[in-house]
């Protein structure tokens, strides 16, 4: 294991450079459910929640240092915790943050990179109260289009997979569309869906509920979400479970552009790519994966101990204690993982 990397705490600071060996004296950042975006220029943005407030941090040097926290918005009744919380995606000229309230509505906020300042945009769901579960994901392309997916109950009061998109300059999200409805009336009720993009290949992943099994499925669009393929299953095995594991896994693309997934089945963590056998990695849950070209990292939680593996080198890094790890690959080839520990943000560069 790699033992010599110091866990970074996030601090509000003024002109202080953060490195793996720096001792900082400013206050710790309180928050939950950090999510990252990395724009085409390499700028990292971290969205997170604290109570009913949404914040954003920024780094322009691959996570060596971060800006002071910027208040994006205050959202009464915001979902926060257990993979529920602000989501963020960045394109060349814009960033969007989405957040869901307990009344079932999905709010969105936009940042113009050249002008600065977060502004509120229209709600993503076009049917009031359709998304009370509070689980969603967003992604962006380089041409300033943003794509969102979430659990939605407008089909008979049961959770299924919905989709919408927006141009970064627009004031309104497009009409919502149904991506997948399980033949058994609903997908897994408490598992976060995922959405990833590679060129013109847009993929939505989710944990299904089908014939008593709760397995990871995915659906593909080649026309920016106008149509999606029939859902296909990830991996080789199955998980018969009459309960929700609250663990939606993670989604990506391998170096050949094939869909990849990392997820939990029973108490084990698996990795899989299309047309390949699944690979058991460890015991654990709350799985996050990042892939960029040939680099592949998977992070997970096991009894509140967080670990990450580089699948190329097979080296496992002990990250620290906490929950809800989110791992990303930086422009310099390193990986950065954020998580929360007792409502405090932490991160580590691998």
Protein backbone atom coordinates (compact mmCIF):
# COMPACT_ATOMS: atom_id res chain seq x y z
CA UNK A 1 0.00 0.00 0.00
CA UNK A 2 1.02 3.58 -0.48
CA UNK A 3 1.33 4.89 3.03
CA UNK A 4 3.32 8.10 2.61
CA UNK A 5 0.64 10.42 1.25
CA UNK A 6 -0.88 12.84 3.70
CA UNK A 7 -4.65 13.33 3.68
CA UNK A 8 -5.50 16.92 2.82
CA UNK A 9 -8.13 18.75 4.82
CA UNK A 10 -9.88 21.54 2.97
CA UNK A 11 -9.44 24.95 4.51
CA UNK A 12 -10.62 28.44 3.69
CA UNK A 13 -7.44 30.37 3.05
CA UNK A 14 -6.04 33.47 1.48
CA UNK A 15 -3.01 33.12 -0.81
CA UNK A 16 -1.82 29.99 1.00
CA UNK A 17 -0.55 27.13 -1.18
CA UNK A 18 -1.72 23.67 -0.15
CA UNK A 19 0.70 20.79 -0.77
CA UNK A 20 0.96 17.25 0.50
CA UNK A 21 3.46 18.43 3.13
CA UNK A 22 2.04 21.79 4.19
CA UNK A 23 0.68 22.43 7.67
CA UNK A 24 -2.35 24.71 7.49
CA UNK A 25 -3.80 26.69 10.36
CA UNK A 26 -7.08 27.98 8.90
CA UNK A 27 -10.48 26.53 9.68
CA UNK A 28 -11.72 23.20 8.30
CA UNK A 29 -14.41 23.19 5.62
CA UNK A 30 -17.66 21.80 7.00
CA UNK A 31 -19.74 20.04 4.36
CA UNK A 32 -21.16 16.88 2.86
CA UNK A 33 -21.35 15.02 -0.44
CA UNK A 34 -18.54 16.66 -2.44
CA UNK A 35 -18.74 16.21 -6.21
CA UNK A 36 -16.17 17.41 -8.74
CA UNK A 37 -16.02 18.62 -12.31
CA UNK A 38 -12.91 19.25 -14.40
CA UNK A 39 -13.42 21.58 -17.36
CA UNK A 40 -11.50 21.41 -20.69
CA UNK A 41 -8.94 23.89 -19.33
CA UNK A 42 -8.23 21.67 -16.32
CA UNK A 43 -10.04 23.83 -13.76
CA UNK A 44 -11.40 21.73 -10.89
CA UNK A 45 -14.66 22.75 -9.24
CA UNK A 46 -15.99 21.08 -6.10
CA UNK A 47 -19.69 21.38 -5.26
CA UNK A 48 -20.92 20.36 -1.83
CA UNK A 49 -23.67 21.04 0.66
CA UNK A 50 -23.72 22.26 4.24
CA UNK A 51 -27.19 22.22 5.73
CA UNK A 52 -29.37 23.95 3.16
CA UNK A 53 -26.52 25.84 1.51
CA UNK A 54 -24.62 24.93 -1.67
CA UNK A 55 -20.96 25.88 -2.00
CA UNK A 56 -18.25 25.64 -4.64
CA UNK A 57 -14.46 25.50 -4.40
CA UNK A 58 -12.07 25.98 -7.35
CA UNK A 59 -8.55 24.83 -8.15
CA UNK A 60 -6.45 25.85 -11.16
CA UNK A 61 -3.36 23.79 -10.28
CA UNK A 62 -4.53 20.16 -10.22
CA UNK A 63 -5.72 20.27 -6.63
CA UNK A 64 -2.55 21.65 -5.04
CA UNK A 65 -4.58 24.59 -3.71
CA UNK A 66 -8.23 25.60 -3.64
CA UNK A 67 -10.03 28.93 -3.52
CA UNK A 68 -12.17 30.10 -0.67
CA UNK A 69 -15.63 28.57 -0.61
CA UNK A 70 -18.18 30.47 -2.71
CA UNK A 71 -21.85 30.37 -1.74
CA UNK A 72 -23.83 29.22 -4.78
CA UNK A 73 -27.34 29.23 -3.33
CA UNK A 74 -29.48 28.38 -0.35
CA UNK A 75 -32.08 25.68 -0.99
CA UNK A 76 -34.69 25.05 1.72
CA UNK A 77 -35.30 21.35 2.25
CA UNK A 78 -32.31 20.27 0.19
CA UNK A 79 -31.58 16.55 0.01
CA UNK A 80 -28.12 15.94 1.49
CA UNK A 81 -26.44 12.68 2.48
CA UNK A 82 -26.26 9.07 1.28
CA UNK A 83 -25.24 10.09 -2.30
CA UNK A 84 -27.87 12.84 -2.28
CA UNK A 85 -26.48 16.33 -2.69
CA UNK A 86 -25.33 18.95 -5.20
CA UNK A 87 -24.08 17.62 -8.54
CA UNK A 88 -21.73 19.56 -10.82
CA UNK A 89 -20.60 19.44 -14.45
CA UNK A 90 -18.42 21.82 -16.46
CA UNK A 91 -18.07 22.53 -20.17
CA UNK A 92 -15.72 24.94 -21.92
CA UNK A 93 -17.63 28.10 -21.02
CA UNK A 94 -20.14 27.14 -18.32
CA UNK A 95 -20.65 25.07 -15.19
CA UNK A 96 -23.98 23.82 -13.84
CA UNK A 97 -24.84 22.67 -10.34
CA UNK A 98 -28.04 20.75 -9.69
CA UNK A 99 -29.64 20.11 -6.31
CA UNK A 100 -32.91 18.49 -5.27
CA UNK A 101 -35.40 19.48 -2.60
CA UNK A 102 -37.49 17.08 -0.53
CA UNK A 103 -40.60 18.25 -2.34
CA UNK A 104 -39.36 16.46 -5.45
CA UNK A 105 -38.00 19.35 -7.53
CA UNK A 106 -34.59 19.63 -9.20
CA UNK A 107 -33.00 23.08 -9.06
CA UNK A 108 -30.12 24.21 -11.26
CA UNK A 109 -27.54 26.99 -11.09
CA UNK A 110 -25.20 28.25 -13.81
CA UNK A 111 -21.72 29.77 -13.78
CA UNK A 112 -20.45 31.68 -16.81
CA UNK A 113 -16.70 31.09 -16.66
CA UNK A 114 -15.82 34.44 -18.21
CA UNK A 115 -18.24 36.54 -16.15
CA UNK A 116 -18.22 34.68 -12.83
CA UNK A 117 -21.06 34.46 -10.31
CA UNK A 118 -23.63 31.70 -9.96
CA UNK A 119 -27.19 32.38 -11.16
CA UNK A 120 -30.34 30.34 -10.81
CA UNK A 121 -31.80 28.63 -13.89
CA UNK A 122 -35.17 26.95 -14.36
CA UNK A 123 -35.97 23.67 -12.61
CA UNK A 124 -34.89 20.55 -14.49
CA UNK A 125 -38.04 18.50 -13.90
CA UNK A 126 -41.04 19.73 -15.91
CA UNK A 127 -43.55 17.98 -13.63
CA UNK A 128 -43.71 19.39 -10.12
CA UNK A 129 -42.75 17.01 -7.35
CA UNK A 130 -41.70 14.22 -9.72
CA UNK A 131 -38.31 13.54 -8.12
CA UNK A 132 -38.77 13.16 -4.34
CA UNK A 133 -36.10 10.48 -3.94
CA UNK A 134 -33.36 13.08 -4.46
CA UNK A 135 -31.04 10.99 -6.64
CA UNK A 136 -29.56 12.27 -9.91
CA UNK A 137 -26.40 12.95 -11.94
CA UNK A 138 -25.27 15.45 -14.59
CA UNK A 139 -22.53 15.60 -17.24
CA UNK A 140 -21.36 18.12 -19.85
CA UNK A 141 -19.72 18.02 -23.27
CA UNK A 142 -17.12 20.47 -24.57
CA UNK A 143 -19.71 22.32 -26.68
CA UNK A 144 -21.61 23.70 -23.67
CA UNK A 145 -24.41 21.14 -23.58
CA UNK A 146 -25.42 19.61 -20.25
CA UNK A 147 -27.25 16.33 -19.67
CA UNK A 148 -29.11 15.17 -16.55
CA UNK A 149 -30.69 11.93 -15.35
CA UNK A 150 -32.65 11.17 -12.20
CA UNK A 151 -35.16 8.91 -10.45
CA UNK A 152 -38.68 10.10 -11.30
CA UNK A 153 -42.09 8.91 -10.04
CA UNK A 154 -44.43 10.38 -12.67
CA UNK A 155 -44.99 6.89 -14.14
CA UNK A 156 -47.56 5.47 -11.73
CA UNK A 157 -45.85 6.84 -8.63
CA UNK A 158 -42.88 4.49 -9.06
CA UNK A 159 -39.22 5.43 -9.57
CA UNK A 160 -37.91 5.10 -13.10
CA UNK A 161 -35.16 6.76 -15.15
CA UNK A 162 -35.74 10.19 -16.71
CA UNK A 163 -33.55 12.54 -18.76
CA UNK A 164 -33.24 16.16 -19.86
CA UNK A 165 -30.62 18.45 -21.40
CA UNK A 166 -29.85 22.14 -21.82
CA UNK A 167 -27.57 24.39 -23.81
CA UNK A 168 -25.34 26.37 -21.46
CA UNK A 169 -26.76 29.66 -22.75
CA UNK A 170 -30.41 28.62 -22.46
CA UNK A 171 -32.83 29.61 -19.74
CA UNK A 172 -34.86 26.40 -19.77
CA UNK A 173 -34.17 22.67 -19.74
CA UNK A 174 -35.69 20.60 -22.53
CA UNK A 175 -38.83 18.52 -22.11
CA UNK A 176 -38.22 15.54 -19.84
CA UNK A 177 -38.16 12.08 -21.40
CA UNK A 178 -38.44 8.55 -20.04
CA UNK A 179 -35.25 6.54 -20.61
CA UNK A 180 -36.20 3.30 -18.87
CA UNK A 181 -39.17 1.82 -17.06
CA UNK A 182 -38.68 -1.58 -15.49
CA UNK A 183 -41.12 -4.33 -16.53
CA UNK A 184 -41.47 -4.83 -12.78
CA UNK A 185 -42.78 -1.24 -12.57
CA UNK A 186 -39.77 0.46 -10.97
CA UNK A 187 -35.98 0.51 -10.78
CA UNK A 188 -34.08 0.31 -7.49
CA UNK A 189 -35.67 3.01 -5.38
CA UNK A 190 -32.71 4.36 -3.40
CA UNK A 191 -29.72 3.99 -5.76
CA UNK A 192 -28.20 6.99 -7.52
CA UNK A 193 -28.13 6.82 -11.34
CA UNK A 194 -25.02 7.80 -13.31
CA UNK A 195 -24.42 9.57 -16.62
CA UNK A 196 -21.20 9.75 -18.65
CA UNK A 197 -20.21 11.02 -22.09
CA UNK A 198 -17.52 10.05 -24.59
CA UNK A 199 -17.69 11.94 -27.89
CA UNK A 200 -21.23 11.41 -29.14
CA UNK A 201 -21.79 8.38 -26.88
CA UNK A 202 -23.99 9.29 -23.89
CA UNK A 203 -24.58 6.52 -21.35
CA UNK A 204 -26.94 6.35 -18.37
CA UNK A 205 -26.37 3.70 -15.71
CA UNK A 206 -28.71 2.65 -12.91
CA UNK A 207 -29.47 -0.19 -10.54
CA UNK A 208 -32.47 -2.08 -11.83
CA UNK A 209 -35.21 -4.03 -10.07
CA UNK A 210 -35.99 -6.96 -12.34
CA UNK A 211 -37.24 -10.45 -11.47
CA UNK A 212 -36.08 -10.02 -7.89
CA UNK A 213 -32.55 -8.91 -8.81
CA UNK A 214 -30.91 -5.53 -8.25
CA UNK A 215 -28.18 -5.40 -10.89
CA UNK A 216 -26.50 -2.50 -12.70
CA UNK A 217 -27.92 -1.72 -16.15
CA UNK A 218 -27.05 0.91 -18.74
CA UNK A 219 -28.62 2.53 -21.79
CA UNK A 220 -26.80 4.32 -24.64
CA UNK A 221 -27.67 7.35 -26.79
CA UNK A 222 -25.80 8.46 -29.92
CA UNK A 223 -27.98 11.52 -30.59
CA UNK A 224 -27.53 13.58 -27.40
CA UNK A 225 -30.43 11.96 -25.62
CA UNK A 226 -33.12 12.04 -28.30
CA UNK A 227 -33.24 8.25 -28.16
CA UNK A 228 -31.72 5.55 -25.98
CA UNK A 229 -30.95 1.90 -26.58
CA UNK A 230 -32.62 -0.98 -24.83
CA UNK A 231 -31.09 -1.32 -21.38
CA UNK A 232 -28.33 -3.92 -21.00
CA UNK A 233 -26.91 -5.52 -17.86
CA UNK A 234 -23.40 -4.85 -16.56
CA UNK A 235 -21.30 -7.74 -15.30
CA UNK A 236 -21.89 -11.48 -15.25
CA UNK A 237 -23.46 -12.30 -11.91
CA UNK A 238 -26.73 -11.23 -10.30
CA UNK A 239 -27.92 -10.03 -6.91
CA UNK A 240 -31.24 -11.33 -5.64
CA UNK A 241 -32.26 -8.86 -2.97
CA UNK A 242 -35.62 -7.82 -1.55
CA UNK A 243 -34.31 -4.48 -0.26
CA UNK A 244 -32.55 -1.41 -1.62
CA UNK A 245 -28.75 -1.36 -1.10
CA UNK A 246 -28.58 2.45 -1.52
CA UNK A 247 -25.50 2.01 -3.71
CA UNK A 248 -25.70 2.97 -7.40
CA UNK A 249 -22.09 2.27 -8.35
CA UNK A 250 -20.16 4.20 -10.98
CA UNK A 251 -19.87 4.40 -14.76
CA UNK A 252 -17.17 5.18 -17.32
CA UNK A 253 -15.47 4.26 -20.60
CA UNK A 254 -12.37 2.14 -21.14
CA UNK A 255 -9.56 3.09 -23.52
CA UNK A 256 -11.49 1.55 -26.44
CA UNK A 257 -14.63 3.56 -25.70
CA UNK A 258 -16.48 0.57 -24.27
CA UNK A 259 -18.83 1.09 -21.33
CA UNK A 260 -17.33 0.20 -17.95
CA UNK A 261 -18.92 -0.05 -14.53
CA UNK A 262 -17.82 -0.47 -10.93
CA UNK A 263 -20.35 -1.40 -8.30
CA UNK A 264 -21.22 -3.38 -5.20
CA UNK A 265 -22.85 -6.80 -5.24
CA UNK A 266 -23.61 -8.26 -1.82
CA UNK A 267 -20.58 -7.06 0.15
CA UNK A 268 -18.08 -7.11 -2.72
CA UNK A 269 -16.77 -4.51 -5.19
CA UNK A 270 -16.61 -5.38 -8.90
CA UNK A 271 -15.24 -3.81 -12.08
CA UNK A 272 -16.41 -4.69 -15.60
CA UNK A 273 -16.14 -3.53 -19.22
CA UNK A 274 -18.27 -4.55 -22.19
CA UNK A 275 -17.36 -7.96 -23.65
CA UNK A 276 -15.07 -8.75 -20.73
CA UNK A 277 -15.44 -10.82 -17.57
CA UNK A 278 -16.13 -8.95 -14.37
CA UNK A 279 -13.30 -8.53 -11.87
CA UNK A 280 -13.77 -8.76 -8.11
CA UNK A 281 -11.66 -6.09 -6.40
CA UNK A 282 -12.41 -6.14 -2.69
CA UNK A 283 -15.06 -6.21 -0.03
CA UNK A 284 -16.84 -2.89 0.38
CA UNK A 285 -19.57 -0.51 -0.79
CA UNK A 286 -20.15 3.09 -1.99
CA UNK A 287 -18.09 2.55 -5.13
CA UNK A 288 -16.66 5.34 -7.29
CA UNK A 289 -14.68 4.91 -10.51
CA UNK A 290 -12.68 7.18 -12.80
CA UNK A 291 -11.32 6.28 -16.24
CA UNK A 292 -9.28 8.44 -18.62
CA UNK A 293 -7.63 6.78 -21.60
CA UNK A 294 -5.79 3.82 -20.04
CA UNK A 295 -5.87 5.09 -16.46
CA UNK A 296 -8.45 3.36 -14.23
CA UNK A 297 -9.07 4.06 -10.55
CA UNK A 298 -11.76 2.61 -8.30
CA UNK A 299 -12.48 3.83 -4.76
CA UNK A 300 -14.73 2.30 -2.13
CA UNK A 301 -15.71 2.28 1.53
CA UNK A 302 -15.39 -0.71 3.85
CA UNK A 303 -16.55 -0.09 7.42
CA UNK A 304 -15.80 3.64 7.00
CA UNK A 305 -12.24 2.92 5.85
CA UNK A 306 -11.72 4.29 2.34
CA UNK A 307 -9.39 2.77 -0.24
CA UNK A 308 -8.58 3.27 -3.92
CA UNK A 309 -6.94 0.97 -6.44
CA UNK A 310 -5.06 1.76 -9.63
CA UNK A 311 -6.17 -1.12 -11.84
CA UNK A 312 -3.10 -0.85 -14.06
CA UNK A 313 -0.52 -1.12 -11.28
CA UNK A 314 -2.81 -3.00 -8.85
CA UNK A 315 -1.57 -0.69 -6.08
CA UNK A 316 -4.09 0.05 -3.33
CA UNK A 317 -3.96 3.37 -1.49
CA UNK A 318 -5.48 3.77 1.96
CA UNK A 319 -7.31 7.10 1.81
CA UNK A 320 -8.51 7.49 5.39
CA UNK A 321 -11.78 7.28 7.29
CA UNK A 322 -15.15 8.54 6.10
CA UNK A 323 -17.95 7.89 3.64
CA UNK A 324 -19.02 8.63 0.07
CA UNK A 325 -15.69 8.68 -1.82
CA UNK A 326 -15.63 10.35 -5.25
CA UNK A 327 -12.57 9.76 -7.40
CA UNK A 328 -11.47 11.63 -10.54
CA UNK A 329 -8.44 11.61 -12.86
CA UNK A 330 -6.62 14.92 -13.24
CA UNK A 331 -5.07 16.34 -16.39
CA UNK A 332 -1.61 15.46 -15.08
CA UNK A 333 -2.54 11.76 -14.86
CA UNK A 334 -2.86 11.66 -11.08
CA UNK A 335 -6.10 10.88 -9.31
CA UNK A 336 -7.91 12.98 -6.72
CA UNK A 337 -10.47 11.58 -4.31
CA UNK A 338 -12.87 13.62 -2.17
CA UNK A 339 -15.07 12.34 0.62
CA UNK A 340 -16.74 13.40 3.85
CA UNK A 341 -15.84 12.41 7.40
CA UNK A 342 -18.21 13.48 10.17
CA UNK A 343 -19.48 16.33 7.94
CA UNK A 344 -15.98 17.56 7.13
CA UNK A 345 -14.57 17.51 3.59
CA UNK A 346 -11.34 15.64 2.96
CA UNK A 347 -9.34 14.78 -0.12
CA UNK A 348 -6.22 13.02 -1.26
CA UNK A 349 -4.14 13.12 -4.43
CA UNK A 350 -2.80 9.76 -5.58
